[in-house]
C-alpha atoms as a PDB file:
ATOM      1  CA  MET A   1      48.913   0.317  18.110  1.00  0.00           C
ATOM      2  CA  LYS A   2      49.671   3.418  15.755  1.00  0.00           C
ATOM      3  CA  LYS A   3      46.458   2.819  14.273  1.00  0.00           C
ATOM      4  CA  LEU A   4      44.598   2.704  17.502  1.00  0.00           C
ATOM      5  CA  THR A   5      46.700   5.884  18.488  1.00  0.00           C
ATOM      6  CA  ALA A   6      45.341   7.463  15.005  1.00  0.00           C
ATOM      7  CA  LEU A   7      42.084   6.598  15.114  1.00  0.00           C
ATOM      8  CA  LEU A   8      42.082   7.909  18.686  1.00  0.00           C
ATOM      9  CA  ILE A   9      43.444  11.244  17.779  1.00  0.00           C
ATOM     10  CA  MET A  10      40.823  11.356  14.437  1.00  0.00           C
ATOM     11  CA  LEU A  11      37.978  10.948  17.006  1.00  0.00           C
ATOM     12  CA  VAL A  12      38.993  13.845  19.538  1.00  0.00           C
ATOM     13  CA  ALA A  13      39.334  16.123  16.443  1.00  0.00           C
ATOM     14  CA  VAL A  14      35.841  15.207  15.357  1.00  0.00           C
ATOM     15  CA  VAL A  15      34.396  15.418  18.899  1.00  0.00           C
ATOM     16  CA  ALA A  16      36.458  18.936  19.653  1.00  0.00           C
ATOM     17  CA  SER A  17      35.972  20.735  16.313  1.00  0.00           C
ATOM     18  CA  PRO A  18      32.584  22.401  17.225  1.00  0.00           C
ATOM     19  CA  CYS A  19      34.912  24.182  19.819  1.00  0.00           C
ATOM     20  CA  PHE A  20      36.156  25.993  17.320  1.00  0.00           C
ATOM     21  CA  ALA A  21      32.609  27.513  16.051  1.00  0.00           C
ATOM     22  CA  ALA A  22      32.557  31.460  15.991  1.00  0.00           C
ATOM     23  CA  ILE A  23      30.642  32.595  19.215  1.00  0.00           C
ATOM     24  CA  ASP A  24      29.312  35.978  18.832  1.00  0.00           C
ATOM     25  CA  ALA A  25      31.022  38.070  22.093  1.00  0.00           C
ATOM     26  CA  PHE A  26      28.379  40.925  22.566  1.00  0.00           C
ATOM     27  CA  ASN A  27      28.803  43.588  25.910  1.00  0.00           C
ATOM     28  CA  PHE A  28      24.944  44.524  26.726  1.00  0.00           C
ATOM     29  CA  SER A  29      24.087  47.130  28.711  1.00  0.00           C
ATOM     30  CA  SER A  30      21.422  45.610  30.473  1.00  0.00           C
ATOM     31  CA  ALA A  31      19.919  42.248  31.350  1.00  0.00           C
ATOM     32  CA  GLN A  32      16.508  43.176  29.406  1.00  0.00           C
ATOM     33  CA  GLN A  33      18.654  44.060  26.500  1.00  0.00           C
ATOM     34  CA  GLU A  34      20.621  40.557  26.513  1.00  0.00           C
ATOM     35  CA  ASN A  35      17.156  38.893  26.658  1.00  0.00           C
ATOM     36  CA  ASP A  36      15.667  41.088  23.745  1.00  0.00           C
ATOM     37  CA  TYR A  37      18.492  40.116  21.910  1.00  0.00           C
ATOM     38  CA  HIS A  38      18.262  36.173  22.464  1.00  0.00           C
ATOM     39  CA  ALA A  39      14.745  36.442  22.052  1.00  0.00           C
ATOM     40  CA  LEU A  40      14.869  37.995  18.525  1.00  0.00           C
ATOM     41  CA  THR A  41      17.537  36.189  17.315  1.00  0.00           C
ATOM     42  CA  ASN A  42      15.551  32.917  17.970  1.00  0.00           C
ATOM     43  CA  GLU A  43      12.494  34.656  16.234  1.00  0.00           C
ATOM     44  CA  LEU A  44      13.928  35.879  13.366  1.00  0.00           C
ATOM     45  CA  ARG A  45      14.624  33.757  10.001  1.00  0.00           C
ATOM     46  CA  CYS A  46      18.281  32.952   8.160  1.00  0.00           C
ATOM     47  CA  PRO A  47      17.280  33.950   4.655  1.00  0.00           C
ATOM     48  CA  GLN A  48      20.158  31.745   3.442  1.00  0.00           C
ATOM     49  CA  CYS A  49      19.247  28.961   5.777  1.00  0.00           C
ATOM     50  CA  GLN A  50      15.761  28.477   4.687  1.00  0.00           C
ATOM     51  CA  ASN A  51      14.355  26.901   7.852  1.00  0.00           C
ATOM     52  CA  ASN A  52      16.664  28.123  10.911  1.00  0.00           C
ATOM     53  CA  ASN A  53      17.038  31.140  13.330  1.00  0.00           C
ATOM     54  CA  ILE A  54      19.828  33.158  12.791  1.00  0.00           C
ATOM     55  CA  ALA A  55      20.722  32.062  16.535  1.00  0.00           C
ATOM     56  CA  ASP A  56      21.431  28.685  15.354  1.00  0.00           C
ATOM     57  CA  SER A  57      22.825  29.694  11.795  1.00  0.00           C
ATOM     58  CA  ASN A  58      26.866  30.358  11.165  1.00  0.00           C
ATOM     59  CA  ALA A  59      25.350  31.854   7.607  1.00  0.00           C
ATOM     60  CA  THR A  60      26.976  35.035   7.032  1.00  0.00           C
ATOM     61  CA  ILE A  61      24.065  36.704   6.450  1.00  0.00           C
ATOM     62  CA  ALA A  62      22.617  35.362   9.827  1.00  0.00           C
ATOM     63  CA  ILE A  63      25.970  36.360  11.592  1.00  0.00           C
ATOM     64  CA  ASP A  64      25.496  40.469   9.665  1.00  0.00           C
ATOM     65  CA  MET A  65      21.792  40.379  11.082  1.00  0.00           C
ATOM     66  CA  ARG A  66      22.631  39.094  14.254  1.00  0.00           C
ATOM     67  CA  ALA A  67      25.186  42.411  14.338  1.00  0.00           C
ATOM     68  CA  LYS A  68      22.813  44.598  13.098  1.00  0.00           C
ATOM     69  CA  VAL A  69      20.052  43.161  16.040  1.00  0.00           C
ATOM     70  CA  PHE A  70      22.286  44.159  18.170  1.00  0.00           C
ATOM     71  CA  GLU A  71      23.064  47.360  17.304  1.00  0.00           C
ATOM     72  CA  LEU A  72      19.817  48.695  16.772  1.00  0.00           C
ATOM     73  CA  LEU A  73      19.230  47.049  20.583  1.00  0.00           C
ATOM     74  CA  GLN A  74      21.981  49.197  20.990  1.00  0.00           C
ATOM     75  CA  GLU A  75      20.527  51.921  19.594  1.00  0.00           C
ATOM     76  CA  GLY A  76      17.436  51.961  22.122  1.00  0.00           C
ATOM     77  CA  LYS A  77      14.796  50.162  19.177  1.00  0.00           C
ATOM     78  CA  SER A  78      12.672  48.406  20.612  1.00  0.00           C
ATOM     79  CA  LYS A  79      11.818  44.626  19.678  1.00  0.00           C
ATOM     80  CA  GLN A  80       9.059  45.859  17.050  1.00  0.00           C
ATOM     81  CA  ASP A  81      11.709  48.325  15.687  1.00  0.00           C
ATOM     82  CA  VAL A  82      13.848  45.050  15.471  1.00  0.00           C
ATOM     83  CA  VAL A  83      11.379  42.923  13.377  1.00  0.00           C
ATOM     84  CA  ASN A  84      10.117  46.145  11.359  1.00  0.00           C
ATOM     85  CA  TYR A  85      13.466  46.876  10.506  1.00  0.00           C
ATOM     86  CA  MET A  86      14.475  42.688   9.216  1.00  0.00           C
ATOM     87  CA  VAL A  87      11.023  42.936   7.644  1.00  0.00           C
ATOM     88  CA  GLU A  88      11.439  46.369   5.563  1.00  0.00           C
ATOM     89  CA  ARG A  89      15.293  44.764   4.376  1.00  0.00           C
ATOM     90  CA  TYR A  90      14.611  41.032   4.046  1.00  0.00           C
ATOM     91  CA  GLY A  91      10.791  40.447   3.754  1.00  0.00           C
ATOM     92  CA  HIS A  92       8.261  38.258   5.446  1.00  0.00           C
ATOM     93  CA  PHE A  93       9.914  35.910   4.801  1.00  0.00           C
ATOM     94  CA  VAL A  94      12.695  36.391   8.286  1.00  0.00           C
ATOM     95  CA  THR A  95       9.630  35.890  10.520  1.00  0.00           C
ATOM     96  CA  TYR A  96       8.269  32.743  11.472  1.00  0.00           C
ATOM     97  CA  ASN A  97       4.542  34.301  11.634  1.00  0.00           C
ATOM     98  CA  PRO A  98       4.401  36.202   8.739  1.00  0.00           C
ATOM     99  CA  PRO A  99       1.239  38.806   8.527  1.00  0.00           C
ATOM    100  CA  ILE A 100      -1.824  37.533   6.484  1.00  0.00           C
ATOM    101  CA  THR A 101      -1.726  39.197   2.741  1.00  0.00           C
ATOM    102  CA  VAL A 102      -3.262  38.442  -0.539  1.00  0.00           C
ATOM    103  CA  ALA A 103      -0.140  36.589  -1.422  1.00  0.00           C
ATOM    104  CA  THR A 104      -0.566  34.607   1.618  1.00  0.00           C
ATOM    105  CA  ILE A 105      -3.673  33.317   0.976  1.00  0.00           C
ATOM    106  CA  LEU A 106      -3.559  32.821  -2.156  1.00  0.00           C
ATOM    107  CA  LEU A 107      -0.548  30.452  -1.167  1.00  0.00           C
ATOM    108  CA  TRP A 108      -2.865  29.010   1.138  1.00  0.00           C
ATOM    109  CA  ILE A 109      -5.982  28.456  -1.654  1.00  0.00           C
ATOM    110  CA  LEU A 110      -4.526  28.285  -4.643  1.00  0.00           C
ATOM    111  CA  PRO A 111      -3.580  24.640  -4.145  1.00  0.00           C
ATOM    112  CA  ALA A 112      -6.465  23.607  -2.884  1.00  0.00           C
ATOM    113  CA  LEU A 113      -8.458  25.083  -6.000  1.00  0.00           C
ATOM    114  CA  LEU A 114      -6.294  23.235  -8.336  1.00  0.00           C
ATOM    115  CA  ILE A 115      -6.980  20.252  -6.966  1.00  0.00           C
ATOM    116  CA  CYS A 116     -10.966  20.555  -6.833  1.00  0.00           C
ATOM    117  CA  PHE A 117     -10.312  21.581 -10.806  1.00  0.00           C
ATOM    118  CA  GLY A 118      -8.374  18.476 -11.382  1.00  0.00           C
ATOM    119  CA  LEU A 119     -10.848  16.373  -9.697  1.00  0.00           C
ATOM    120  CA  ALA A 120     -14.092  17.829 -11.376  1.00  0.00           C
ATOM    121  CA  PHE A 121     -12.141  17.490 -14.515  1.00  0.00           C
ATOM    122  CA  VAL A 122     -11.368  13.994 -14.101  1.00  0.00           C
ATOM    123  CA  PHE A 123     -14.759  13.259 -12.989  1.00  0.00           C
ATOM    124  CA  ARG A 124     -16.246  15.105 -15.712  1.00  0.00           C
ATOM    125  CA  GLN A 125     -13.524  13.225 -18.828  1.00  0.00           C
ATOM    126  CA  LYS A 126     -14.698   9.454 -16.708  1.00  0.00           C
ATOM    127  CA  GLY A 127     -18.424  10.613 -16.996  1.00  0.00           C
ATOM    128  CA  LYS A 128     -18.086  11.896 -20.644  1.00  0.00           C
ATOM    129  CA  THR A 129     -16.436   8.400 -21.566  1.00  0.00           C
ATOM    130  CA  LEU A 130     -18.874   6.184 -19.206  1.00  0.00           C
ATOM    131  CA  ILE A 131     -22.052   7.688 -21.519  1.00  0.00           C
ATOM    132  CA  LYS A 132     -19.976   7.054 -24.296  1.00  0.00           C
ATOM    133  CA  ASN A 133     -19.711   3.758 -23.875  1.00  0.00           C
ATOM    134  CA  SER A 134     -23.281   2.941 -22.856  1.00  0.00           C
ATOM    135  CA  SER A 135     -24.690   4.518 -25.733  1.00  0.00           C
ATOM    136  CA  GLN A 136     -22.001   2.204 -27.764  1.00  0.00           C
ATOM    137  CA  ASP A 137     -23.789  -0.764 -26.140  1.00  0.00           C
ATOM    138  CA  ILE A 138     -27.278  -0.089 -26.730  1.00  0.00           C
ATOM    139  CA  SER A 139     -26.520   0.713 -30.368  1.00  0.00           C
ATOM    140  CA  THR A 140     -24.812  -2.741 -30.668  1.00  0.00           C
ATOM    141  CA  GLU A 141     -27.593  -4.178 -28.614  1.00  0.00           C
ATOM    142  CA  ASN A 142     -29.855  -2.579 -31.480  1.00  0.00           C
ATOM    143  CA  SER A 143     -27.709  -3.720 -33.956  1.00  0.00           C
ATOM    144  CA  THR A 144     -27.616  -7.354 -33.126  1.00  0.00           C
ATOM    145  CA  VAL A 145     -31.363  -7.980 -32.533  1.00  0.00           C
ATOM    146  CA  GLU A 146     -31.993  -6.174 -36.167  1.00  0.00           C
ATOM    147  CA  ASN A 147     -29.237  -8.997 -37.426  1.00  0.00           C
ATOM    148  CA  LEU A 148     -31.555 -11.576 -35.689  1.00  0.00           C
ATOM    149  CA  SER A 149     -33.957 -13.443 -38.029  1.00  0.00           C
ATOM    150  CA  ASP A 150     -38.046 -13.061 -38.047  1.00  0.00           C
ATOM    151  CA  GLU A 151     -37.947 -16.076 -36.041  1.00  0.00           C
ATOM    152  CA  GLN A 152     -35.365 -15.439 -33.526  1.00  0.00           C
ATOM    153  CA  GLN A 153     -37.017 -11.766 -32.918  1.00  0.00           C
ATOM    154  CA  LYS A 154     -39.763 -13.270 -31.493  1.00  0.00           C
ATOM    155  CA  ARG A 155     -38.608 -15.679 -29.796  1.00  0.00           C
ATOM    156  CA  LEU A 156     -36.514 -13.234 -27.829  1.00  0.00           C
ATOM    157  CA  LYS A 157     -40.100 -11.237 -27.398  1.00  0.00           C
ATOM    158  CA  ALA A 158     -41.070 -14.235 -26.057  1.00  0.00           C
ATOM    159  CA  LEU A 159     -38.167 -15.061 -23.258  1.00  0.00           C
ATOM    160  CA  LEU A 160     -38.479 -10.924 -22.398  1.00  0.00           C
ATOM    161  CA  LYS A 161     -42.119 -11.293 -21.651  1.00  0.00           C
ATOM    162  CA  ASN A 162     -41.694 -14.309 -19.706  1.00  0.00           C
ATOM    163  CA  LYS A 163     -39.205 -12.551 -17.874  1.00  0.00           C
ATOM    164  CA  GLU A 164     -41.240  -9.767 -17.072  1.00  0.00           C
END
């Protein structure tokens, strides 16, 4: 009975632990401002968590970013102004849709180019090997024919004529 009670207490503790998570309590001056806040916190990526938005992250930097979003919205900044501020501070990584720049183009094109160059290198090496092997086969055939006696060479020529 004691084991069952202990197990039940542990189960309740595990299930109830998310209830102790910190929740941001901000007082917004308008419903539009609150909607903008929620939209921005869902659009901005946490630099520490890599693929979480700042609304879902409990990292210290995400908490600071949410506070800054609230502060900027209280100052009357637009959503784009807030995004621009975050991009200036943390780079384009904080947005899920970074603009097309030379760096992003290189990030997309370089892997494809490396694969193409690698394949070209492999095929080129394979071609050299095939040419080398075929030239060795031809030289082996010639040396084999030269090693035959005169009678065997005549017989071989006769067989080859009949085959044609």
